[in-house]
Amino acid sequence: MVNVGLRLFGDAVRSQGVGVVDVDWRIPAGGDPALVAALTTTYGTHSARIEEANAEVCRRLDSAAPVLSGLATARDVVPGMGDRTLLHPGPPLAWEDVCDPLRRSAHAAVMAEGWADTPEAAEALIASGDVDLQPANEHATVGPMATVLGPSAPVFVVENPQSGARAFAGINQGPGAAPWFGVETPEAVARLVLLREAVRPVLEPALGATIESGGPIDIFSVAAQGLQMGDDAHMRTQASTNLLIRALLPGLVAADGDRGVKVARFLATNHLLFLNVVMAAAKTTSDWASAVPGSSIVTGMARNGTTFGIKVAGLDRWFTAPAPDVGQALFHPGYGPADAAPDIGDSAVLETLGLGGAAAAASPAVATFLGGKMAGAVAATRAMESICAGRSTRFRIPYLDFSGSPIGIDLRRVVTLEVTPRITTGILDAAGGRGQVGAGVATAPLAAFQAALLGVVESPEA
């Protein structure tokens, strides 16, 4: 007997001494009529066209070779950055809907810009509409966690030679009491000033010297090496950061005086320096892939602590759902689930091209959040394989016999299997402004992918 679906039926026959082969199957998309119709269309009459588009999207995700080409002031290089603009992570949202950590980070950015002296004054200024609050993604920019960028912030400049486009990300603010963790204290504001007044004047010439002697830095090459050394390039970037600092070291050594020592000390303790750089590389890569029409591949994922949004190649719009909680969490001493804010940050773009949760099996550190064994990390990567259209040819995972990590999240597979990407991430304090309180794995909300599939079917390219 062949039993399709519920194992219970097979067990009933098996108990009578009859041989049974169980087939693991369930109704696609939970049997929802609209979603089943969308799957029928995208896997049926429009399948050939979609598969061709998907192949091109995956090719771009896999072949882009973005490079780190400089450091600049945001107002000078970020498209559409005005003198009173603040850029936030995730999809667009109104100020009244901004979560507590992001609100505090915006206060800190306003104070670092010199527009207000206190969090209360910053709150009033933003609420008055005198500050233009914009999603960073709409300005070719990305920020991890609750990062808010003002016009005077220094930003890394990343170029994609294949498309000619650029993307930007601020310098990672480092550990401890920093605004990207939702902290608005004087110490946190001073961190932003440090990046602008001390780190940039040292790091910019060091990067310039590195590029002059060896050319722009191939970011994905660094990330690929990091994967071989235990990174997933999202939650853990220690190895990649060390490789980046090694490249910058000759220029850093040339820095004069106490400022150079101060910056060197900051960089030595900032194990997530590479995170912002690789996020910008992923952004310019996903933007190139997004230009392909008629695809069902996800090319963007971002969260603002209130909503979770995805973008699909060929469609210039967000599909959103409420931001999920971060599960499988390890909390700092004294904190627990009641202290945790919902998932936040633009860093989930990394999962679209084979890094982060897709490369969980490369990182023993990430495995500690997935059952404490490598089997859990391998299972996370395998789950991503089930919903992806291809494999990376450069991001290879030693624990999986150096097979490529999965790339190209296909909406059709997500909706059919009801399996969504898992995102390795930090956890911020929900309401007290105490910064990072833990880390874990967020599961992307299915509703956003379901809405996106319906959007694909309704688009003119369908």
Protein backbone atom coordinates (compact mmCIF):
# COMPACT_ATOMS: atom_id res chain seq x y z
CA MET A 1 0.00 0.00 0.00
CA VAL A 2 1.15 3.54 -0.78
CA ASN A 3 -0.11 6.05 1.76
CA VAL A 4 -0.09 9.70 0.66
CA GLY A 5 -0.31 12.37 3.34
CA LEU A 6 -1.32 11.56 6.90
CA ARG A 7 0.89 8.87 8.40
CA LEU A 8 -2.01 7.83 10.64
CA PHE A 9 -3.69 6.02 7.75
CA GLY A 10 -0.52 4.08 6.94
CA ASP A 11 -0.08 3.13 10.60
CA ALA A 12 -3.61 1.70 10.70
CA VAL A 13 -2.88 -0.58 7.75
CA ARG A 14 0.63 -1.35 8.98
CA SER A 15 -0.80 -2.63 12.26
CA GLN A 16 -2.67 -5.27 10.24
CA GLY A 17 0.55 -6.69 8.86
CA VAL A 18 0.40 -5.03 5.47
CA GLY A 19 3.47 -3.36 3.95
CA VAL A 20 3.12 0.40 3.60
CA VAL A 21 5.18 3.07 1.84
CA ASP A 22 4.48 6.51 3.29
CA VAL A 23 4.69 9.53 0.97
CA ASP A 24 5.27 12.82 2.79
CA TRP A 25 2.79 15.14 1.09
CA ARG A 26 0.34 17.84 1.96
CA ILE A 27 -1.89 20.20 0.01
CA PRO A 28 0.22 23.04 -1.44
CA ALA A 29 -0.26 26.47 0.15
CA GLY A 30 -2.54 24.99 2.78
CA GLY A 31 -5.23 24.60 0.13
CA ASP A 32 -5.90 28.35 -0.12
CA PRO A 33 -7.78 28.76 -3.45
CA ALA A 34 -6.15 32.07 -4.47
CA LEU A 35 -2.64 30.83 -3.69
CA VAL A 36 -3.21 27.46 -5.38
CA ALA A 37 -4.42 29.36 -8.46
CA ALA A 38 -1.29 31.52 -8.35
CA LEU A 39 0.90 28.42 -8.11
CA THR A 40 -0.98 26.83 -11.01
CA THR A 41 -0.30 29.91 -13.12
CA THR A 42 3.35 30.36 -12.18
CA TYR A 43 4.21 26.66 -12.40
CA GLY A 44 1.93 26.16 -15.42
CA THR A 45 1.17 28.57 -18.26
CA HIS A 46 3.87 31.08 -17.26
CA SER A 47 6.44 28.58 -16.08
CA ALA A 48 8.87 28.80 -19.01
CA ARG A 49 9.03 32.59 -18.87
CA ILE A 50 9.46 32.63 -15.09
CA GLU A 51 12.15 29.96 -15.13
CA GLU A 52 14.12 31.95 -17.72
CA ALA A 53 13.86 35.10 -15.60
CA ASN A 54 14.74 33.20 -12.43
CA ALA A 55 17.86 31.78 -14.07
CA GLU A 56 19.03 35.29 -14.92
CA VAL A 57 18.30 36.57 -11.39
CA CYS A 58 20.29 33.70 -9.88
CA ARG A 59 23.12 34.33 -12.32
CA ARG A 60 23.33 37.94 -11.19
CA LEU A 61 23.13 37.03 -7.50
CA ASP A 62 25.95 34.55 -8.01
CA SER A 63 28.22 36.48 -10.39
CA ALA A 64 28.19 40.05 -9.10
CA ALA A 65 31.59 41.06 -7.76
CA PRO A 66 31.08 44.28 -5.77
CA VAL A 67 34.13 46.06 -4.44
CA LEU A 68 34.83 48.39 -1.54
CA SER A 69 35.98 51.56 -3.25
CA GLY A 70 35.97 54.32 -0.66
CA LEU A 71 34.62 56.13 2.38
CA ALA A 72 32.64 59.36 2.14
CA THR A 73 30.12 61.61 3.90
CA ALA A 74 26.54 60.46 3.38
CA ARG A 75 25.22 63.80 2.12
CA ASP A 76 27.90 63.85 -0.59
CA VAL A 77 27.23 60.43 -2.10
CA VAL A 78 23.91 58.88 -1.00
CA PRO A 79 21.18 59.55 -3.61
CA GLY A 80 18.44 61.84 -2.33
CA MET A 81 20.15 62.50 1.01
CA GLY A 82 19.14 66.00 2.11
CA ASP A 83 20.46 68.19 4.89
CA ARG A 84 17.60 67.07 7.17
CA THR A 85 17.27 63.44 6.09
CA LEU A 86 17.46 60.43 8.39
CA LEU A 87 17.68 56.95 6.86
CA HIS A 88 16.22 53.99 8.75
CA PRO A 89 16.23 50.22 8.09
CA GLY A 90 13.33 48.23 6.69
CA PRO A 91 10.23 49.19 4.71
CA PRO A 92 8.74 52.69 4.97
CA LEU A 93 6.81 53.55 8.13
CA ALA A 94 5.31 56.56 9.85
CA TRP A 95 7.02 58.04 12.90
CA GLU A 96 4.11 57.09 15.16
CA ASP A 97 4.65 53.43 14.19
CA VAL A 98 8.40 53.40 14.91
CA CYS A 99 9.44 50.89 17.59
CA ASP A 100 11.31 51.94 20.72
CA PRO A 101 14.88 50.89 19.72
CA LEU A 102 14.61 52.57 16.32
CA ARG A 103 13.10 55.68 17.90
CA ARG A 104 16.02 55.97 20.32
CA SER A 105 18.54 55.47 17.52
CA ALA A 106 16.89 58.28 15.57
CA HIS A 107 17.13 60.52 18.65
CA ALA A 108 20.85 59.77 18.88
CA ALA A 109 21.35 60.56 15.18
CA VAL A 110 19.56 63.89 15.57
CA MET A 111 21.74 64.81 18.54
CA ALA A 112 24.94 63.74 16.74
CA GLU A 113 23.94 66.00 13.84
CA GLY A 114 23.58 68.89 16.29
CA TRP A 115 19.89 69.46 15.58
CA ALA A 116 18.85 68.89 19.21
CA ASP A 117 20.54 68.58 22.58
CA THR A 118 18.31 66.02 24.33
CA PRO A 119 16.25 62.95 23.38
CA GLU A 120 13.09 64.89 24.23
CA ALA A 121 14.02 67.74 21.91
CA ALA A 122 14.95 65.24 19.18
CA GLU A 123 11.59 63.52 19.59
CA ALA A 124 9.73 66.81 19.22
CA LEU A 125 11.79 67.79 16.17
CA ILE A 126 11.12 64.53 14.33
CA ALA A 127 7.44 64.48 15.31
CA SER A 128 7.05 68.03 13.95
CA GLY A 129 7.95 66.81 10.47
CA ASP A 130 11.06 69.00 10.31
CA VAL A 131 13.16 65.87 9.76
CA ASP A 132 12.68 63.76 6.64
CA LEU A 133 12.54 60.11 7.80
CA GLN A 134 13.23 57.79 4.87
CA PRO A 135 13.87 54.04 4.39
CA ALA A 136 17.55 53.54 3.65
CA ASN A 137 16.77 50.89 1.03
CA GLU A 138 15.11 53.52 -1.16
CA HIS A 139 18.41 55.42 -1.20
CA ALA A 140 20.75 52.54 -2.16
CA THR A 141 21.73 52.25 1.50
CA VAL A 142 21.47 49.60 4.21
CA GLY A 143 21.87 49.56 7.96
CA PRO A 144 22.03 46.67 10.44
CA MET A 145 19.78 46.42 13.50
CA ALA A 146 18.36 49.86 14.46
CA THR A 147 20.95 51.91 12.58
CA VAL A 148 19.79 55.43 11.64
CA LEU A 149 22.07 57.48 9.38
CA GLY A 150 22.20 61.26 9.26
CA PRO A 151 23.73 63.39 6.48
CA SER A 152 27.10 63.88 8.22
CA ALA A 153 27.62 60.16 8.88
CA PRO A 154 30.58 58.50 7.14
CA VAL A 155 29.56 55.71 4.78
CA PHE A 156 31.38 52.95 2.95
CA VAL A 157 31.05 53.19 -0.83
CA VAL A 158 30.57 49.85 -2.60
CA GLU A 159 30.51 49.55 -6.38
CA ASN A 160 29.13 46.79 -8.59
CA PRO A 161 31.26 46.74 -11.77
CA GLN A 162 28.67 44.67 -13.63
CA SER A 163 25.83 47.17 -13.21
CA GLY A 164 27.78 50.35 -12.56
CA ALA A 165 25.61 50.98 -9.49
CA ARG A 166 26.75 51.81 -5.99
CA ALA A 167 25.44 51.06 -2.50
CA PHE A 168 26.27 52.54 0.87
CA ALA A 169 26.44 51.57 4.55
CA GLY A 170 27.65 53.40 7.62
CA ILE A 171 30.69 52.28 9.59
CA ASN A 172 29.61 49.64 12.07
CA GLN A 173 29.17 51.35 15.44
CA GLY A 174 30.72 48.53 17.45
CA PRO A 175 29.70 46.77 20.67
CA GLY A 176 28.24 48.17 23.87
CA ALA A 177 26.14 51.33 24.30
CA ALA A 178 25.66 52.27 20.64
CA PRO A 179 22.64 53.72 18.78
CA TRP A 180 22.36 50.77 16.39
CA PHE A 181 21.35 48.76 19.47
CA GLY A 182 18.65 51.28 20.40
CA VAL A 183 20.66 53.34 22.91
CA GLU A 184 20.34 57.15 23.09
CA THR A 185 22.63 58.01 26.01
CA PRO A 186 25.38 60.64 25.78
CA GLU A 187 27.84 57.75 25.41
CA ALA A 188 25.88 56.46 22.43
CA VAL A 189 25.79 59.89 20.77
CA ALA A 190 29.53 60.20 21.37
CA ARG A 191 30.00 56.94 19.44
CA LEU A 192 28.49 58.53 16.33
CA VAL A 193 30.69 61.59 16.76
CA LEU A 194 33.71 59.29 17.15
CA LEU A 195 32.96 57.65 13.81
CA ARG A 196 32.69 61.02 12.11
CA GLU A 197 35.47 62.94 13.82
CA ALA A 198 38.08 60.26 14.58
CA VAL A 199 37.47 56.99 12.73
CA ARG A 200 36.76 58.43 9.31
CA PRO A 201 39.86 60.71 9.17
CA VAL A 202 42.04 57.67 9.90
CA LEU A 203 40.14 54.96 8.04
CA GLU A 204 39.58 56.93 4.81
CA PRO A 205 43.29 57.40 3.98
CA ALA A 206 44.06 53.85 5.11
CA LEU A 207 41.42 52.51 2.72
CA GLY A 208 42.68 54.84 0.01
CA ALA A 209 46.24 53.55 0.43
CA THR A 210 45.02 49.95 0.29
CA ILE A 211 43.10 50.59 -2.93
CA GLU A 212 45.99 52.51 -4.49
CA SER A 213 48.41 49.67 -3.86
CA GLY A 214 46.19 46.67 -4.54
CA GLY A 215 42.97 47.92 -6.12
CA PRO A 216 39.45 47.94 -4.67
CA ILE A 217 38.69 45.18 -2.15
CA ASP A 218 36.64 42.26 -3.53
CA ILE A 219 34.05 41.97 -0.77
CA PHE A 220 32.55 38.60 -1.62
CA SER A 221 36.02 37.10 -1.89
CA VAL A 222 36.58 38.12 1.73
CA ALA A 223 33.18 36.70 2.72
CA ALA A 224 33.93 33.42 0.96
CA GLN A 225 37.18 33.09 2.90
CA GLY A 226 35.32 33.92 6.10
CA LEU A 227 32.90 31.05 5.53
CA GLN A 228 35.84 28.68 5.46
CA MET A 229 36.89 30.08 8.84
CA GLY A 230 33.58 29.75 10.69
CA ASP A 231 31.62 32.86 9.67
CA ASP A 232 28.10 32.93 8.33
CA ALA A 233 28.77 36.59 7.36
CA HIS A 234 25.75 37.78 9.31
CA MET A 235 25.63 36.84 12.98
CA ARG A 236 29.33 36.01 12.97
CA THR A 237 31.84 38.04 10.95
CA GLN A 238 34.97 37.74 13.12
CA ALA A 239 37.06 36.04 10.45
CA SER A 240 35.97 38.33 7.63
CA THR A 241 36.53 41.40 9.80
CA ASN A 242 40.05 40.21 10.60
CA LEU A 243 40.75 39.71 6.90
CA LEU A 244 39.47 43.22 6.15
CA ILE A 245 41.55 44.81 8.91
CA ARG A 246 44.60 42.90 7.68
CA ALA A 247 44.14 44.51 4.26
CA LEU A 248 43.84 47.95 5.87
CA LEU A 249 46.69 47.43 8.34
CA PRO A 250 49.54 49.11 6.40
CA GLY A 251 47.48 52.27 5.99
CA LEU A 252 46.35 52.21 9.61
CA VAL A 253 49.92 51.92 10.84
CA ALA A 254 50.74 55.10 8.92
CA ALA A 255 48.19 57.09 10.95
CA ASP A 256 49.83 59.60 13.24
CA GLY A 257 49.37 60.28 16.92
CA ASP A 258 46.82 59.39 19.54
CA ARG A 259 43.93 59.40 17.09
CA GLY A 260 45.42 56.50 15.18
CA VAL A 261 45.81 54.51 18.39
CA LYS A 262 42.22 55.29 19.39
CA VAL A 263 40.89 54.15 16.04
CA ALA A 264 43.02 51.01 16.07
CA ARG A 265 41.64 50.16 19.50
CA PHE A 266 38.07 50.70 18.24
CA LEU A 267 38.61 48.48 15.19
CA ALA A 268 40.28 45.77 17.25
CA THR A 269 37.19 45.43 19.45
CA ASN A 270 34.63 45.73 16.64
CA HIS A 271 34.21 42.19 15.34
CA LEU A 272 31.23 43.24 13.20
CA LEU A 273 33.06 45.84 11.11
CA PHE A 274 32.70 43.68 8.00
CA LEU A 275 28.94 43.26 8.45
CA ASN A 276 28.07 46.71 7.10
CA VAL A 277 30.46 46.31 4.18
CA VAL A 278 29.07 42.96 3.05
CA MET A 279 25.51 44.25 3.49
CA ALA A 280 26.24 47.08 1.04
CA ALA A 281 27.71 44.52 -1.36
CA ALA A 282 24.56 42.43 -1.05
CA LYS A 283 22.43 45.53 -1.62
CA THR A 284 24.07 46.53 -4.88
CA THR A 285 23.93 42.89 -5.99
CA SER A 286 20.24 42.52 -5.18
CA ASP A 287 19.45 45.83 -6.89
CA TRP A 288 21.10 44.52 -10.07
CA ALA A 289 19.12 41.29 -9.83
CA SER A 290 15.92 43.23 -9.13
CA ALA A 291 16.06 44.79 -12.59
CA VAL A 292 15.09 41.44 -14.18
CA PRO A 293 11.33 41.41 -14.94
CA GLY A 294 8.96 38.47 -14.67
CA SER A 295 10.76 36.55 -11.90
CA SER A 296 9.54 34.84 -8.73
CA ILE A 297 12.85 35.28 -6.88
CA VAL A 298 13.09 37.34 -3.69
CA THR A 299 15.79 40.01 -4.04
CA GLY A 300 15.29 41.95 -0.82
CA MET A 301 14.33 41.32 2.81
CA ALA A 302 14.34 43.98 5.52
CA ARG A 303 12.78 44.73 8.90
CA ASN A 304 12.16 47.92 10.84
CA GLY A 305 11.04 46.40 14.13
CA THR A 306 7.38 46.98 13.19
CA THR A 307 7.06 45.37 9.77
CA PHE A 308 8.97 42.76 7.77
CA GLY A 309 9.16 43.41 4.04
CA ILE A 310 10.35 41.59 0.95
CA LYS A 311 10.99 42.69 -2.60
CA VAL A 312 10.76 40.55 -5.72
CA ALA A 313 12.79 40.92 -8.91
CA GLY A 314 10.94 43.07 -11.40
CA LEU A 315 8.47 44.56 -8.90
CA ASP A 316 9.29 47.92 -7.35
CA ARG A 317 7.21 47.58 -4.18
CA TRP A 318 7.32 46.10 -0.68
CA PHE A 319 5.21 43.16 0.47
CA THR A 320 4.93 43.33 4.22
CA ALA A 321 3.76 41.52 7.33
CA PRO A 322 4.29 42.21 11.05
CA ALA A 323 7.92 41.88 12.12
CA PRO A 324 8.47 38.48 13.77
CA ASP A 325 9.91 37.80 17.19
CA VAL A 326 13.40 36.30 17.35
CA GLY A 327 13.24 32.65 18.39
CA GLN A 328 15.78 30.05 19.48
CA ALA A 329 17.27 32.88 21.50
CA LEU A 330 20.20 33.03 23.87
CA PHE A 331 19.74 36.01 26.19
CA HIS A 332 22.33 37.94 28.12
CA PRO A 333 22.18 37.36 31.89
CA GLY A 334 19.16 39.03 33.46
CA TYR A 335 17.14 39.23 30.22
CA GLY A 336 14.45 37.05 28.69
CA PRO A 337 11.70 36.91 26.04
CA ALA A 338 9.69 39.65 27.75
CA ASP A 339 12.56 42.09 27.09
CA ALA A 340 12.93 41.29 23.38
CA ALA A 341 11.96 43.67 20.58
CA PRO A 342 10.75 42.20 17.25
CA ASP A 343 13.25 41.50 14.49
CA ILE A 344 14.90 44.60 12.98
CA GLY A 345 17.50 45.64 10.40
CA ASP A 346 18.39 45.49 6.71
CA SER A 347 20.89 42.67 7.18
CA ALA A 348 18.43 40.00 5.99
CA VAL A 349 19.44 40.95 2.45
CA LEU A 350 22.40 38.64 3.07
CA GLU A 351 20.11 35.61 3.21
CA THR A 352 18.97 36.25 -0.38
CA LEU A 353 22.38 35.42 -1.87
CA GLY A 354 23.69 32.55 0.22
CA LEU A 355 24.97 34.14 3.43
CA GLY A 356 23.57 34.36 6.96
CA GLY A 357 20.94 31.71 7.66
CA ALA A 358 21.55 30.14 4.25
CA ALA A 359 25.15 29.48 5.30
CA ALA A 360 24.35 28.43 8.88
CA ALA A 361 26.06 25.09 8.29
CA ALA A 362 29.37 26.93 7.85
CA SER A 363 29.37 28.35 11.37
CA PRO A 364 29.74 26.42 14.63
CA ALA A 365 28.91 29.67 16.45
CA VAL A 366 25.51 29.83 14.76
CA ALA A 367 24.90 26.17 15.61
CA THR A 368 24.70 27.15 19.28
CA PHE A 369 21.39 28.86 18.46
CA LEU A 370 20.10 25.85 16.51
CA GLY A 371 20.04 23.09 19.06
CA GLY A 372 23.68 23.36 20.06
CA LYS A 373 24.88 20.86 17.44
CA MET A 374 26.06 21.18 13.86
CA ALA A 375 23.10 19.03 12.84
CA GLY A 376 20.81 21.94 13.62
CA ALA A 377 22.86 24.33 11.52
CA VAL A 378 22.94 21.84 8.66
CA ALA A 379 19.15 21.46 8.91
CA ALA A 380 18.76 25.24 8.62
CA THR A 381 20.82 25.31 5.44
CA ARG A 382 18.94 22.30 4.05
CA ALA A 383 15.63 24.06 4.72
CA MET A 384 16.87 27.03 2.71
CA GLU A 385 17.86 24.66 -0.09
CA SER A 386 14.25 23.47 -0.30
CA ILE A 387 13.01 26.98 -1.14
CA CYS A 388 15.89 28.23 -3.31
CA ALA A 389 16.36 28.00 -7.05
CA GLY A 390 20.13 27.62 -7.14
CA ARG A 391 23.45 27.29 -5.37
CA SER A 392 26.32 29.70 -4.98
CA THR A 393 29.50 28.89 -6.85
CA ARG A 394 31.64 30.94 -4.44
CA PHE A 395 30.11 30.61 -0.96
CA ARG A 396 30.98 27.00 -0.15
CA ILE A 397 30.31 25.17 3.09
CA PRO A 398 33.01 22.84 4.43
CA TYR A 399 30.59 20.79 6.57
CA LEU A 400 28.54 20.00 3.44
CA ASP A 401 31.46 18.71 1.38
CA PHE A 402 32.07 22.26 0.11
CA SER A 403 28.73 22.44 -1.68
CA GLY A 404 27.50 25.93 -2.49
CA SER A 405 25.09 27.67 -0.16
CA PRO A 406 21.52 28.08 -1.46
CA ILE A 407 20.66 31.27 -3.37
CA GLY A 408 17.55 32.64 -5.06
CA ILE A 409 14.57 32.29 -2.69
CA ASP A 410 11.69 31.25 -4.95
CA LEU A 411 8.26 32.51 -3.86
CA ARG A 412 6.60 29.48 -5.42
CA ARG A 413 8.56 27.06 -3.29
CA VAL A 414 8.03 29.11 -0.14
CA VAL A 415 4.28 29.24 -0.64
CA THR A 416 3.99 25.61 -1.71
CA LEU A 417 5.96 24.20 1.22
CA GLU A 418 5.06 26.94 3.73
CA VAL A 419 8.75 27.11 4.65
CA THR A 420 10.28 30.59 5.01
CA PRO A 421 13.86 31.84 5.38
CA ARG A 422 15.50 31.82 8.80
CA ILE A 423 17.56 34.88 9.66
CA THR A 424 20.43 34.86 12.15
CA THR A 425 20.20 38.10 14.13
CA GLY A 426 20.64 40.02 17.36
CA ILE A 427 17.88 40.93 19.83
CA LEU A 428 17.37 44.46 21.13
CA ASP A 429 15.73 45.63 24.33
CA ALA A 430 12.08 46.30 23.55
CA ALA A 431 11.46 49.34 25.70
CA GLY A 432 14.25 50.22 28.12
CA GLY A 433 17.00 51.47 25.82
CA ARG A 434 19.48 48.96 27.26
CA GLY A 435 20.87 47.84 23.92
CA GLN A 436 21.41 44.28 22.75
CA VAL A 437 19.95 41.70 25.11
CA GLY A 438 20.63 38.51 23.16
CA ALA A 439 20.75 36.85 19.77
CA GLY A 440 18.81 34.17 17.95
CA VAL A 441 17.08 33.17 14.74
CA ALA A 442 14.05 34.94 13.26
CA THR A 443 11.65 33.09 10.96
CA ALA A 444 10.36 35.28 8.15
CA PRO A 445 6.54 35.65 8.15
CA LEU A 446 4.81 33.55 5.52
CA ALA A 447 2.16 36.21 4.84
CA ALA A 448 4.67 38.51 3.14
CA PHE A 449 5.66 35.78 0.66
CA GLN A 450 2.05 34.84 -0.02
CA ALA A 451 1.21 38.46 -0.81
CA ALA A 452 4.27 38.71 -3.04
CA LEU A 453 3.27 35.63 -5.07
CA LEU A 454 -0.15 37.14 -5.68
CA GLY A 455 1.63 40.36 -6.68
CA VAL A 456 3.73 38.47 -9.23
CA VAL A 457 0.61 36.96 -10.81
CA GLU A 458 -1.11 40.37 -10.95
CA SER A 459 1.89 42.19 -12.45
CA PRO A 460 1.95 43.17 -16.14
CA GLU A 461 4.90 40.80 -16.67
CA ALA A 462 2.85 37.77 -15.54
